[in-house]
Amino acid sequence: MRDLILKMSMSIDGFVSDLDGGNRWMFGADQEAKAWSVETLWNASLHIMGSRSFSGMATYWQTSTDQFAPPMNQIPKAVFSRQGPAILSNVNTTAALDAARANAATGQSAALQPGAESWAEAYVASGDLAEEIAKLKAQEGKPIIAHGGVSFARSLIAQGLVDQFALFVVPVALGKGLPVFSELAAPTRLKLMSSKAFPGGAVAQVYRPA
């Protein structure tokens, strides 16, 4: 049985993205914080995400030389999409290479990285969310790590499917933005499992439902 860990970065006032969905504010130069995030990503046997995040990540990570690229490429993926297997037709190396050539200064290369083919081999979950998650959890291995977007994360939380929350709190106040806990039917108490502060001011907090 595998735990499902929801890994999200958020502002100190609780937003996981700007109102327009942007999140450039969450990227910093704190190497210790990045090392924690990379280690967390490696501690997974499956990465899951919604269809919009999947399409964007697939195009970017296949050619990225960023330190997050190896775990994102080499660990198997599952995408939640009503499109069914058709969503995988949009995950192709040609698009990734074209994007890399157009964005040569953003941590991408003109070559596919090890594990890039795993995006086109992702499991496509198109059934009921809770049933699909139950099937994935029932398999053996290290935890499942869930990534956004916001609507996918909200659905996981609202249905009580998250076993751990790995929240990376960035020292930025947005004032306005998109929260991730906004669809709870009632307040949910959480138990703090660990907390780690980094030199740049960010804090990684891991919780379980109490």
N, C-alpha and C. Protein backbone atom coordinates (compact mmCIF):
# COMPACT_ATOMS: atom_id res chain seq x y z
N MET A 1 0.85 -1.20 0.00
CA MET A 1 0.00 0.00 0.00
C MET A 1 0.88 1.25 0.00
N ARG A 2 0.62 2.15 -0.94
CA ARG A 2 1.42 3.37 -1.05
C ARG A 2 0.65 4.58 -0.54
N ASP A 3 1.35 5.45 0.20
CA ASP A 3 0.77 6.73 0.60
C ASP A 3 0.72 7.67 -0.60
N LEU A 4 -0.24 8.59 -0.58
CA LEU A 4 -0.29 9.66 -1.57
C LEU A 4 0.14 10.95 -0.88
N ILE A 5 1.22 11.54 -1.37
CA ILE A 5 1.76 12.79 -0.84
C ILE A 5 1.43 13.91 -1.82
N LEU A 6 0.75 14.93 -1.34
CA LEU A 6 0.51 16.11 -2.16
C LEU A 6 1.63 17.12 -1.88
N LYS A 7 2.44 17.37 -2.89
CA LYS A 7 3.57 18.30 -2.75
C LYS A 7 3.19 19.61 -3.42
N MET A 8 3.13 20.67 -2.63
CA MET A 8 2.75 21.98 -3.15
C MET A 8 3.63 23.06 -2.56
N SER A 9 3.96 24.07 -3.36
CA SER A 9 4.59 25.29 -2.86
C SER A 9 3.50 26.32 -2.66
N MET A 10 3.60 27.12 -1.60
CA MET A 10 2.59 28.13 -1.35
C MET A 10 3.19 29.36 -0.71
N SER A 11 2.50 30.48 -0.85
CA SER A 11 2.91 31.73 -0.22
C SER A 11 2.59 31.67 1.27
N ILE A 12 3.12 32.62 2.05
CA ILE A 12 2.85 32.59 3.48
C ILE A 12 1.38 32.90 3.79
N ASP A 13 0.67 33.49 2.83
CA ASP A 13 -0.76 33.73 3.04
C ASP A 13 -1.62 32.66 2.38
N GLY A 14 -1.02 31.52 2.05
CA GLY A 14 -1.79 30.34 1.69
C GLY A 14 -2.18 30.16 0.24
N PHE A 15 -1.56 30.88 -0.69
CA PHE A 15 -1.90 30.74 -2.10
C PHE A 15 -0.85 29.90 -2.83
N VAL A 16 -1.32 29.05 -3.74
CA VAL A 16 -0.40 28.19 -4.50
C VAL A 16 -0.13 28.72 -5.91
N SER A 17 -0.81 29.78 -6.29
CA SER A 17 -0.51 30.45 -7.56
C SER A 17 -1.13 31.83 -7.54
N ASP A 18 -0.71 32.68 -8.50
CA ASP A 18 -1.36 33.97 -8.69
C ASP A 18 -2.79 33.74 -9.19
N LEU A 19 -3.57 34.81 -9.26
CA LEU A 19 -4.93 34.69 -9.78
C LEU A 19 -4.95 34.21 -11.22
N ASP A 20 -3.89 34.52 -11.98
CA ASP A 20 -3.81 34.09 -13.38
C ASP A 20 -3.14 32.74 -13.54
N GLY A 21 -2.85 32.07 -12.42
CA GLY A 21 -2.21 30.76 -12.48
C GLY A 21 -0.71 30.79 -12.49
N GLY A 22 -0.09 31.97 -12.46
CA GLY A 22 1.37 32.08 -12.48
C GLY A 22 2.00 31.73 -11.14
N ASN A 23 3.24 31.26 -11.18
CA ASN A 23 3.92 30.88 -9.94
C ASN A 23 5.41 31.18 -9.96
N ARG A 24 5.81 32.17 -10.72
CA ARG A 24 7.23 32.51 -10.80
C ARG A 24 7.79 32.94 -9.44
N TRP A 25 6.92 33.43 -8.58
CA TRP A 25 7.34 33.90 -7.26
C TRP A 25 7.91 32.79 -6.39
N MET A 26 7.63 31.54 -6.71
CA MET A 26 8.05 30.45 -5.83
C MET A 26 9.47 29.95 -6.11
N PHE A 27 10.10 30.42 -7.17
CA PHE A 27 11.42 29.92 -7.52
C PHE A 27 12.51 30.82 -6.95
N GLY A 28 13.40 30.24 -6.18
CA GLY A 28 14.49 30.99 -5.56
C GLY A 28 15.82 30.33 -5.82
N ALA A 29 16.86 30.86 -5.17
CA ALA A 29 18.22 30.36 -5.40
C ALA A 29 18.75 29.57 -4.21
N ASP A 30 17.89 29.24 -3.26
CA ASP A 30 18.30 28.52 -2.06
C ASP A 30 18.59 27.06 -2.41
N GLN A 31 19.88 26.70 -2.43
CA GLN A 31 20.26 25.36 -2.86
C GLN A 31 19.85 24.29 -1.86
N GLU A 32 19.83 24.62 -0.58
CA GLU A 32 19.38 23.63 0.41
C GLU A 32 17.90 23.32 0.23
N ALA A 33 17.12 24.34 -0.05
CA ALA A 33 15.70 24.13 -0.28
C ALA A 33 15.47 23.30 -1.55
N LYS A 34 16.24 23.59 -2.59
CA LYS A 34 16.11 22.81 -3.82
C LYS A 34 16.50 21.36 -3.59
N ALA A 35 17.55 21.15 -2.79
CA ALA A 35 17.99 19.78 -2.50
C ALA A 35 16.89 19.01 -1.78
N TRP A 36 16.18 19.68 -0.84
CA TRP A 36 15.07 19.03 -0.14
C TRP A 36 13.98 18.62 -1.14
N SER A 37 13.66 19.52 -2.07
CA SER A 37 12.62 19.23 -3.05
C SER A 37 13.02 18.08 -3.98
N VAL A 38 14.29 18.07 -4.40
CA VAL A 38 14.76 16.98 -5.27
C VAL A 38 14.71 15.65 -4.53
N GLU A 39 15.15 15.64 -3.27
CA GLU A 39 15.11 14.42 -2.47
C GLU A 39 13.67 13.93 -2.30
N THR A 40 12.75 14.87 -2.08
CA THR A 40 11.34 14.51 -1.94
C THR A 40 10.81 13.88 -3.22
N LEU A 41 11.18 14.44 -4.37
CA LEU A 41 10.73 13.90 -5.65
C LEU A 41 11.26 12.48 -5.90
N TRP A 42 12.53 12.25 -5.51
CA TRP A 42 13.11 10.92 -5.68
C TRP A 42 12.44 9.89 -4.78
N ASN A 43 11.83 10.34 -3.69
CA ASN A 43 11.20 9.42 -2.74
C ASN A 43 9.79 9.07 -3.21
N ALA A 44 9.67 8.72 -4.46
CA ALA A 44 8.37 8.38 -5.04
C ALA A 44 8.55 7.24 -6.03
N SER A 45 7.52 6.43 -6.15
CA SER A 45 7.53 5.41 -7.20
C SER A 45 6.58 5.78 -8.33
N LEU A 46 5.85 6.91 -8.14
CA LEU A 46 4.92 7.38 -9.17
C LEU A 46 4.64 8.86 -8.95
N HIS A 47 4.63 9.63 -10.04
CA HIS A 47 4.21 11.02 -10.01
C HIS A 47 2.86 11.11 -10.71
N ILE A 48 1.88 11.78 -10.07
CA ILE A 48 0.56 11.93 -10.68
C ILE A 48 0.22 13.40 -10.80
N MET A 49 -0.61 13.73 -11.78
CA MET A 49 -0.97 15.13 -12.03
C MET A 49 -2.19 15.20 -12.92
N GLY A 50 -2.80 16.39 -12.97
CA GLY A 50 -3.91 16.63 -13.87
C GLY A 50 -3.43 16.80 -15.30
N SER A 51 -4.35 16.84 -16.23
CA SER A 51 -4.00 16.83 -17.65
C SER A 51 -3.26 18.08 -18.09
N ARG A 52 -3.65 19.26 -17.58
CA ARG A 52 -3.00 20.49 -18.01
C ARG A 52 -1.55 20.53 -17.52
N SER A 53 -1.34 20.17 -16.26
CA SER A 53 0.02 20.13 -15.73
C SER A 53 0.86 19.10 -16.46
N PHE A 54 0.25 17.96 -16.75
CA PHE A 54 0.96 16.89 -17.45
C PHE A 54 1.48 17.36 -18.80
N SER A 55 0.62 18.01 -19.57
CA SER A 55 1.04 18.46 -20.91
C SER A 55 2.17 19.47 -20.84
N GLY A 56 2.07 20.42 -19.91
CA GLY A 56 3.12 21.42 -19.78
C GLY A 56 4.42 20.84 -19.27
N MET A 57 4.33 19.97 -18.25
CA MET A 57 5.54 19.36 -17.70
C MET A 57 6.23 18.45 -18.71
N ALA A 58 5.44 17.69 -19.45
CA ALA A 58 6.03 16.76 -20.42
C ALA A 58 6.88 17.51 -21.44
N THR A 59 6.36 18.62 -21.94
CA THR A 59 7.11 19.39 -22.93
C THR A 59 8.39 19.96 -22.35
N TYR A 60 8.32 20.41 -21.10
CA TYR A 60 9.48 21.04 -20.48
C TYR A 60 10.53 20.04 -20.01
N TRP A 61 10.12 19.06 -19.21
CA TRP A 61 11.11 18.21 -18.54
C TRP A 61 11.86 17.27 -19.47
N GLN A 62 11.28 16.91 -20.60
CA GLN A 62 11.96 15.97 -21.50
C GLN A 62 13.34 16.46 -21.93
N THR A 63 13.52 17.76 -22.01
CA THR A 63 14.80 18.30 -22.47
C THR A 63 15.50 19.15 -21.42
N SER A 64 14.90 19.26 -20.24
CA SER A 64 15.47 20.14 -19.22
C SER A 64 16.75 19.58 -18.62
N THR A 65 17.68 20.48 -18.31
CA THR A 65 18.91 20.11 -17.61
C THR A 65 18.87 20.57 -16.16
N ASP A 66 17.71 21.02 -15.70
CA ASP A 66 17.51 21.45 -14.33
C ASP A 66 17.71 20.26 -13.39
N GLN A 67 18.05 20.52 -12.13
CA GLN A 67 18.31 19.45 -11.17
C GLN A 67 17.06 18.65 -10.83
N PHE A 68 15.87 19.20 -11.11
CA PHE A 68 14.64 18.47 -10.88
C PHE A 68 14.31 17.51 -12.03
N ALA A 69 14.99 17.63 -13.15
CA ALA A 69 14.64 16.85 -14.34
C ALA A 69 14.81 15.34 -14.16
N PRO A 70 15.92 14.86 -13.56
CA PRO A 70 16.06 13.40 -13.45
C PRO A 70 14.90 12.70 -12.75
N PRO A 71 14.49 13.13 -11.54
CA PRO A 71 13.35 12.42 -10.95
C PRO A 71 12.04 12.62 -11.71
N MET A 72 11.85 13.80 -12.31
CA MET A 72 10.62 14.03 -13.05
C MET A 72 10.56 13.19 -14.31
N ASN A 73 11.68 12.95 -14.94
CA ASN A 73 11.70 12.14 -16.16
C ASN A 73 11.75 10.64 -15.88
N GLN A 74 12.53 10.25 -14.90
CA GLN A 74 12.85 8.83 -14.74
C GLN A 74 11.84 8.04 -13.91
N ILE A 75 11.04 8.72 -13.10
CA ILE A 75 10.03 8.04 -12.29
C ILE A 75 8.73 7.97 -13.09
N PRO A 76 8.05 6.82 -13.08
CA PRO A 76 6.81 6.68 -13.86
C PRO A 76 5.77 7.73 -13.50
N LYS A 77 4.89 8.00 -14.46
CA LYS A 77 3.84 9.00 -14.30
C LYS A 77 2.45 8.41 -14.50
N ALA A 78 1.47 9.09 -13.92
CA ALA A 78 0.06 8.83 -14.24
C ALA A 78 -0.60 10.18 -14.44
N VAL A 79 -1.43 10.28 -15.45
CA VAL A 79 -2.14 11.53 -15.73
C VAL A 79 -3.64 11.28 -15.61
N PHE A 80 -4.34 12.20 -14.94
CA PHE A 80 -5.78 12.09 -14.77
C PHE A 80 -6.45 12.97 -15.81
N SER A 81 -7.14 12.31 -16.74
CA SER A 81 -7.72 13.04 -17.87
C SER A 81 -8.95 12.33 -18.40
N ARG A 82 -10.00 13.10 -18.66
CA ARG A 82 -11.21 12.54 -19.27
C ARG A 82 -10.99 12.22 -20.75
N GLN A 83 -9.89 12.72 -21.32
CA GLN A 83 -9.59 12.44 -22.73
C GLN A 83 -9.25 10.98 -22.97
N GLY A 84 -8.82 10.28 -21.93
CA GLY A 84 -8.35 8.92 -22.10
C GLY A 84 -6.98 8.91 -22.76
N PRO A 85 -6.60 7.80 -23.37
CA PRO A 85 -5.26 7.67 -23.96
C PRO A 85 -4.92 8.73 -25.00
N ALA A 86 -5.92 9.43 -25.53
CA ALA A 86 -5.66 10.46 -26.55
C ALA A 86 -4.72 11.54 -26.03
N ILE A 87 -4.70 11.76 -24.71
CA ILE A 87 -3.85 12.82 -24.17
C ILE A 87 -2.37 12.53 -24.43
N LEU A 88 -2.02 11.26 -24.57
CA LEU A 88 -0.62 10.91 -24.79
C LEU A 88 -0.16 11.26 -26.20
N SER A 89 -1.10 11.47 -27.12
CA SER A 89 -0.72 11.83 -28.49
C SER A 89 -0.10 13.21 -28.54
N ASN A 90 -0.35 14.03 -27.51
CA ASN A 90 0.22 15.38 -27.46
C ASN A 90 1.61 15.40 -26.83
N VAL A 91 2.02 14.25 -26.29
CA VAL A 91 3.33 14.16 -25.64
C VAL A 91 4.30 13.55 -26.63
N ASN A 92 5.00 14.38 -27.34
CA ASN A 92 5.93 13.85 -28.34
C ASN A 92 7.26 14.58 -28.26
N THR A 93 8.29 13.90 -28.68
CA THR A 93 9.64 14.44 -28.59
C THR A 93 9.85 15.62 -29.51
N THR A 94 9.15 15.66 -30.63
CA THR A 94 9.31 16.77 -31.57
C THR A 94 8.90 18.08 -30.92
N ALA A 95 7.75 18.07 -30.24
CA ALA A 95 7.29 19.28 -29.57
C ALA A 95 8.25 19.71 -28.48
N ALA A 96 8.77 18.74 -27.74
CA ALA A 96 9.71 19.05 -26.66
C ALA A 96 10.99 19.65 -27.20
N LEU A 97 11.50 19.09 -28.28
CA LEU A 97 12.74 19.61 -28.87
C LEU A 97 12.53 20.99 -29.48
N ASP A 98 11.38 21.21 -30.11
CA ASP A 98 11.09 22.53 -30.66
C ASP A 98 11.02 23.58 -29.56
N ALA A 99 10.38 23.22 -28.44
CA ALA A 99 10.27 24.14 -27.32
C ALA A 99 11.64 24.43 -26.73
N ALA A 100 12.49 23.41 -26.67
CA ALA A 100 13.83 23.59 -26.12
C ALA A 100 14.66 24.54 -26.98
N ARG A 101 14.55 24.42 -28.28
CA ARG A 101 15.31 25.30 -29.18
C ARG A 101 14.82 26.74 -29.06
N ALA A 102 13.53 26.90 -28.81
CA ALA A 102 12.97 28.25 -28.68
C ALA A 102 13.26 28.88 -27.32
N ASN A 103 13.63 28.04 -26.35
CA ASN A 103 13.88 28.53 -24.99
C ASN A 103 15.24 28.06 -24.49
N ALA A 104 16.25 28.25 -25.31
CA ALA A 104 17.58 27.72 -25.01
C ALA A 104 18.17 28.29 -23.73
N ALA A 105 17.69 29.43 -23.28
CA ALA A 105 18.27 30.06 -22.09
C ALA A 105 17.52 29.74 -20.81
N THR A 106 16.57 28.81 -20.85
CA THR A 106 15.74 28.54 -19.67
C THR A 106 15.96 27.15 -19.09
N GLY A 107 17.17 26.64 -19.16
CA GLY A 107 17.45 25.35 -18.55
C GLY A 107 17.05 24.17 -19.40
N GLN A 108 16.90 24.39 -20.70
CA GLN A 108 16.58 23.30 -21.61
C GLN A 108 17.72 23.11 -22.61
N SER A 109 17.83 21.88 -23.09
CA SER A 109 18.85 21.59 -24.09
C SER A 109 18.15 21.14 -25.37
N ALA A 110 18.92 20.92 -26.39
CA ALA A 110 18.33 20.47 -27.66
C ALA A 110 18.37 18.95 -27.75
N ALA A 111 18.54 18.28 -26.60
CA ALA A 111 18.60 16.82 -26.58
C ALA A 111 17.64 16.28 -25.53
N LEU A 112 17.08 15.11 -25.78
CA LEU A 112 16.21 14.48 -24.81
C LEU A 112 17.03 13.96 -23.63
N GLN A 113 16.48 14.08 -22.45
CA GLN A 113 17.16 13.64 -21.24
C GLN A 113 16.79 12.19 -20.91
N PRO A 114 17.63 11.49 -20.13
CA PRO A 114 17.32 10.11 -19.75
C PRO A 114 15.94 10.01 -19.09
N GLY A 115 15.15 9.07 -19.56
CA GLY A 115 13.81 8.89 -19.02
C GLY A 115 12.74 9.69 -19.71
N ALA A 116 13.10 10.50 -20.70
CA ALA A 116 12.12 11.37 -21.37
C ALA A 116 10.96 10.57 -21.97
N GLU A 117 11.25 9.36 -22.40
CA GLU A 117 10.22 8.54 -23.04
C GLU A 117 9.10 8.15 -22.07
N SER A 118 9.34 8.28 -20.76
CA SER A 118 8.33 7.85 -19.78
C SER A 118 7.06 8.69 -19.85
N TRP A 119 7.16 9.91 -20.36
CA TRP A 119 5.96 10.75 -20.45
C TRP A 119 4.95 10.15 -21.43
N ALA A 120 5.44 9.60 -22.53
CA ALA A 120 4.54 8.99 -23.51
C ALA A 120 4.05 7.62 -23.07
N GLU A 121 4.64 7.10 -21.99
CA GLU A 121 4.25 5.78 -21.47
C GLU A 121 3.42 5.90 -20.19
N ALA A 122 2.98 7.10 -19.86
CA ALA A 122 2.24 7.34 -18.62
C ALA A 122 0.94 6.55 -18.58
N TYR A 123 0.57 6.15 -17.36
CA TYR A 123 -0.73 5.54 -17.16
C TYR A 123 -1.79 6.64 -17.23
N VAL A 124 -2.84 6.42 -17.99
CA VAL A 124 -3.91 7.40 -18.13
C VAL A 124 -5.10 6.97 -17.27
N ALA A 125 -5.40 7.76 -16.26
CA ALA A 125 -6.51 7.48 -15.36
C ALA A 125 -7.71 8.32 -15.79
N SER A 126 -8.74 7.68 -16.33
CA SER A 126 -9.89 8.43 -16.83
C SER A 126 -11.19 8.03 -16.13
N GLY A 127 -11.08 7.18 -15.11
CA GLY A 127 -12.27 6.77 -14.38
C GLY A 127 -12.53 7.66 -13.19
N ASP A 128 -13.36 7.18 -12.26
CA ASP A 128 -13.67 7.92 -11.04
C ASP A 128 -12.39 8.20 -10.26
N LEU A 129 -12.23 9.44 -9.78
CA LEU A 129 -10.98 9.85 -9.13
C LEU A 129 -10.65 8.95 -7.94
N ALA A 130 -11.59 8.75 -7.03
CA ALA A 130 -11.32 7.96 -5.83
C ALA A 130 -10.98 6.51 -6.18
N GLU A 131 -11.67 5.96 -7.16
CA GLU A 131 -11.40 4.58 -7.56
C GLU A 131 -10.03 4.44 -8.20
N GLU A 132 -9.67 5.40 -9.03
CA GLU A 132 -8.35 5.36 -9.68
C GLU A 132 -7.24 5.49 -8.63
N ILE A 133 -7.42 6.42 -7.68
CA ILE A 133 -6.41 6.60 -6.63
C ILE A 133 -6.29 5.33 -5.79
N ALA A 134 -7.41 4.70 -5.48
CA ALA A 134 -7.38 3.47 -4.68
C ALA A 134 -6.59 2.38 -5.39
N LYS A 135 -6.76 2.27 -6.70
CA LYS A 135 -6.00 1.26 -7.46
C LYS A 135 -4.51 1.54 -7.42
N LEU A 136 -4.14 2.81 -7.56
CA LEU A 136 -2.72 3.17 -7.55
C LEU A 136 -2.11 2.98 -6.17
N LYS A 137 -2.86 3.33 -5.13
CA LYS A 137 -2.36 3.16 -3.77
C LYS A 137 -2.16 1.69 -3.42
N ALA A 138 -2.97 0.82 -3.99
CA ALA A 138 -2.92 -0.61 -3.66
C ALA A 138 -1.64 -1.29 -4.15
N GLN A 139 -0.93 -0.65 -5.05
CA GLN A 139 0.31 -1.23 -5.56
C GLN A 139 1.44 -1.03 -4.56
N GLU A 140 2.42 -1.91 -4.63
CA GLU A 140 3.57 -1.83 -3.73
C GLU A 140 4.56 -0.77 -4.22
N GLY A 141 5.37 -0.27 -3.31
CA GLY A 141 6.42 0.67 -3.70
C GLY A 141 6.47 1.89 -2.81
N LYS A 142 7.34 2.80 -3.16
CA LYS A 142 7.47 4.05 -2.43
C LYS A 142 6.23 4.91 -2.67
N PRO A 143 6.10 6.03 -1.95
CA PRO A 143 4.87 6.83 -2.05
C PRO A 143 4.57 7.35 -3.46
N ILE A 144 3.34 7.76 -3.64
CA ILE A 144 2.88 8.47 -4.83
C ILE A 144 2.98 9.96 -4.52
N ILE A 145 3.57 10.73 -5.41
CA ILE A 145 3.60 12.18 -5.22
C ILE A 145 2.67 12.84 -6.24
N ALA A 146 1.74 13.63 -5.72
CA ALA A 146 0.79 14.35 -6.56
C ALA A 146 1.26 15.78 -6.75
N HIS A 147 1.19 16.25 -7.98
CA HIS A 147 1.51 17.63 -8.34
C HIS A 147 0.21 18.32 -8.76
N GLY A 148 0.24 19.63 -8.89
CA GLY A 148 -0.94 20.38 -9.32
C GLY A 148 -1.33 20.03 -10.74
N GLY A 149 -2.22 20.79 -11.32
CA GLY A 149 -2.69 22.09 -10.92
C GLY A 149 -3.64 22.17 -9.74
N VAL A 150 -4.11 23.39 -9.59
CA VAL A 150 -4.91 23.72 -8.43
C VAL A 150 -6.19 22.89 -8.37
N SER A 151 -6.91 22.75 -9.47
CA SER A 151 -8.19 22.03 -9.45
C SER A 151 -7.99 20.57 -9.12
N PHE A 152 -6.93 19.96 -9.64
CA PHE A 152 -6.64 18.55 -9.34
C PHE A 152 -6.31 18.39 -7.87
N ALA A 153 -5.47 19.26 -7.32
CA ALA A 153 -5.11 19.19 -5.91
C ALA A 153 -6.34 19.40 -5.02
N ARG A 154 -7.19 20.35 -5.38
CA ARG A 154 -8.41 20.58 -4.60
C ARG A 154 -9.29 19.35 -4.57
N SER A 155 -9.40 18.65 -5.70
CA SER A 155 -10.24 17.46 -5.77
C SER A 155 -9.69 16.36 -4.87
N LEU A 156 -8.37 16.17 -4.88
CA LEU A 156 -7.76 15.17 -4.02
C LEU A 156 -8.03 15.47 -2.54
N ILE A 157 -7.89 16.75 -2.17
CA ILE A 157 -8.11 17.16 -0.78
C ILE A 157 -9.58 17.01 -0.39
N ALA A 158 -10.48 17.48 -1.24
CA ALA A 158 -11.90 17.47 -0.93
C ALA A 158 -12.42 16.06 -0.71
N GLN A 159 -11.85 15.08 -1.44
CA GLN A 159 -12.31 13.70 -1.31
C GLN A 159 -11.52 12.90 -0.27
N GLY A 160 -10.64 13.58 0.46
CA GLY A 160 -9.91 12.91 1.53
C GLY A 160 -8.93 11.86 1.05
N LEU A 161 -8.31 12.08 -0.10
CA LEU A 161 -7.44 11.08 -0.70
C LEU A 161 -5.96 11.28 -0.37
N VAL A 162 -5.63 12.39 0.29
CA VAL A 162 -4.24 12.72 0.57
C VAL A 162 -3.81 12.15 1.93
N ASP A 163 -2.70 11.41 1.95
CA ASP A 163 -2.17 10.83 3.18
C ASP A 163 -1.13 11.73 3.85
N GLN A 164 -0.42 12.51 3.04
CA GLN A 164 0.56 13.45 3.57
C GLN A 164 0.53 14.72 2.73
N PHE A 165 0.73 15.85 3.39
CA PHE A 165 0.85 17.13 2.71
C PHE A 165 2.29 17.61 2.88
N ALA A 166 3.04 17.71 1.80
CA ALA A 166 4.39 18.26 1.83
C ALA A 166 4.31 19.68 1.31
N LEU A 167 4.23 20.64 2.23
CA LEU A 167 3.98 22.04 1.87
C LEU A 167 5.27 22.84 2.00
N PHE A 168 5.68 23.42 0.90
CA PHE A 168 6.89 24.24 0.86
C PHE A 168 6.44 25.70 0.90
N VAL A 169 6.57 26.32 2.07
CA VAL A 169 6.05 27.67 2.28
C VAL A 169 7.13 28.70 1.94
N VAL A 170 6.87 29.49 0.92
CA VAL A 170 7.82 30.49 0.41
C VAL A 170 7.59 31.82 1.13
N PRO A 171 8.65 32.54 1.53
CA PRO A 171 8.48 33.81 2.25
C PRO A 171 8.05 34.95 1.34
N VAL A 172 6.87 34.79 0.75
CA VAL A 172 6.28 35.80 -0.12
C VAL A 172 4.80 35.90 0.23
N ALA A 173 4.29 37.11 0.36
CA ALA A 173 2.86 37.33 0.57
C ALA A 173 2.27 37.86 -0.74
N LEU A 174 1.25 37.18 -1.26
CA LEU A 174 0.67 37.56 -2.55
C LEU A 174 -0.53 38.51 -2.40
N GLY A 175 -1.22 38.41 -1.29
CA GLY A 175 -2.42 39.23 -1.12
C GLY A 175 -3.63 38.63 -1.80
N LYS A 176 -3.48 38.23 -3.05
CA LYS A 176 -4.55 37.57 -3.80
C LYS A 176 -3.93 36.39 -4.55
N GLY A 177 -4.72 35.35 -4.72
CA GLY A 177 -4.22 34.18 -5.44
C GLY A 177 -5.21 33.04 -5.35
N LEU A 178 -4.76 31.85 -5.74
CA LEU A 178 -5.60 30.66 -5.73
C LEU A 178 -5.22 29.77 -4.56
N PRO A 179 -6.14 29.53 -3.62
CA PRO A 179 -5.86 28.64 -2.50
C PRO A 179 -6.11 27.19 -2.90
N VAL A 180 -5.58 26.26 -2.13
CA VAL A 180 -5.74 24.85 -2.47
C VAL A 180 -6.72 24.12 -1.54
N PHE A 181 -7.00 24.70 -0.37
CA PHE A 181 -7.90 24.06 0.59
C PHE A 181 -9.32 24.63 0.54
N SER A 182 -9.69 25.30 -0.52
CA SER A 182 -10.94 26.06 -0.56
C SER A 182 -12.19 25.21 -0.75
N GLU A 183 -12.05 23.92 -1.07
CA GLU A 183 -13.24 23.09 -1.32
C GLU A 183 -13.49 22.07 -0.22
N LEU A 184 -12.90 22.29 0.95
CA LEU A 184 -13.17 21.41 2.08
C LEU A 184 -14.62 21.60 2.54
N ALA A 185 -15.29 20.49 2.85
CA ALA A 185 -16.66 20.58 3.34
C ALA A 185 -16.69 21.03 4.79
N ALA A 186 -15.60 20.78 5.52
CA ALA A 186 -15.51 21.17 6.93
C ALA A 186 -14.04 21.30 7.28
N PRO A 187 -13.70 22.03 8.35
CA PRO A 187 -12.30 22.14 8.76
C PRO A 187 -11.67 20.77 8.96
N THR A 188 -10.43 20.62 8.52
CA THR A 188 -9.70 19.36 8.64
C THR A 188 -8.45 19.59 9.46
N ARG A 189 -8.34 18.87 10.56
CA ARG A 189 -7.18 19.01 11.43
C ARG A 189 -6.03 18.19 10.86
N LEU A 190 -4.82 18.76 10.95
CA LEU A 190 -3.62 18.09 10.46
C LEU A 190 -2.61 17.94 11.59
N LYS A 191 -1.81 16.88 11.51
CA LYS A 191 -0.75 16.64 12.49
C LYS A 191 0.60 16.92 11.84
N LEU A 192 1.38 17.80 12.44
CA LEU A 192 2.70 18.14 11.90
C LEU A 192 3.66 16.98 12.13
N MET A 193 4.24 16.47 11.03
CA MET A 193 5.19 15.36 11.11
C MET A 193 6.63 15.83 11.11
N SER A 194 6.92 16.90 10.37
CA SER A 194 8.27 17.45 10.34
C SER A 194 8.23 18.88 9.84
N SER A 195 9.25 19.64 10.21
CA SER A 195 9.36 21.02 9.77
C SER A 195 10.84 21.35 9.61
N LYS A 196 11.18 21.95 8.48
CA LYS A 196 12.58 22.28 8.21
C LYS A 196 12.66 23.66 7.59
N ALA A 197 13.43 24.55 8.23
CA ALA A 197 13.62 25.90 7.70
C ALA A 197 14.90 25.95 6.89
N PHE A 198 14.92 26.77 5.85
CA PHE A 198 16.07 26.88 4.96
C PHE A 198 16.66 28.29 5.02
N PRO A 199 17.93 28.43 4.64
CA PRO A 199 18.60 29.73 4.74
C PRO A 199 17.88 30.87 4.03
N GLY A 200 17.20 30.56 2.92
CA GLY A 200 16.51 31.61 2.16
C GLY A 200 15.20 32.03 2.76
N GLY A 201 14.77 31.40 3.86
CA GLY A 201 13.54 31.81 4.52
C GLY A 201 12.35 30.90 4.29
N ALA A 202 12.45 29.98 3.35
CA ALA A 202 11.35 29.04 3.11
C ALA A 202 11.32 27.98 4.20
N VAL A 203 10.16 27.38 4.40
CA VAL A 203 9.99 26.32 5.40
C VAL A 203 9.24 25.16 4.76
N ALA A 204 9.79 23.95 4.89
CA ALA A 204 9.12 22.74 4.41
C ALA A 204 8.39 22.11 5.58
N GLN A 205 7.09 21.94 5.44
CA GLN A 205 6.26 21.39 6.51
C GLN A 205 5.50 20.18 5.98
N VAL A 206 5.63 19.06 6.68
CA VAL A 206 4.97 17.83 6.28
C VAL A 206 3.89 17.50 7.31
N TYR A 207 2.67 17.32 6.85
CA TYR A 207 1.53 17.04 7.72
C TYR A 207 0.86 15.75 7.29
N ARG A 208 0.15 15.13 8.26
CA ARG A 208 -0.80 14.04 8.00
C ARG A 208 -2.16 14.47 8.54
N PRO A 209 -3.23 13.97 7.95
CA PRO A 209 -4.55 14.22 8.57
C PRO A 209 -4.52 13.68 10.00
N ALA A 210 -5.04 14.45 10.95
CA ALA A 210 -5.01 14.05 12.36
C ALA A 210 -6.01 12.93 12.62
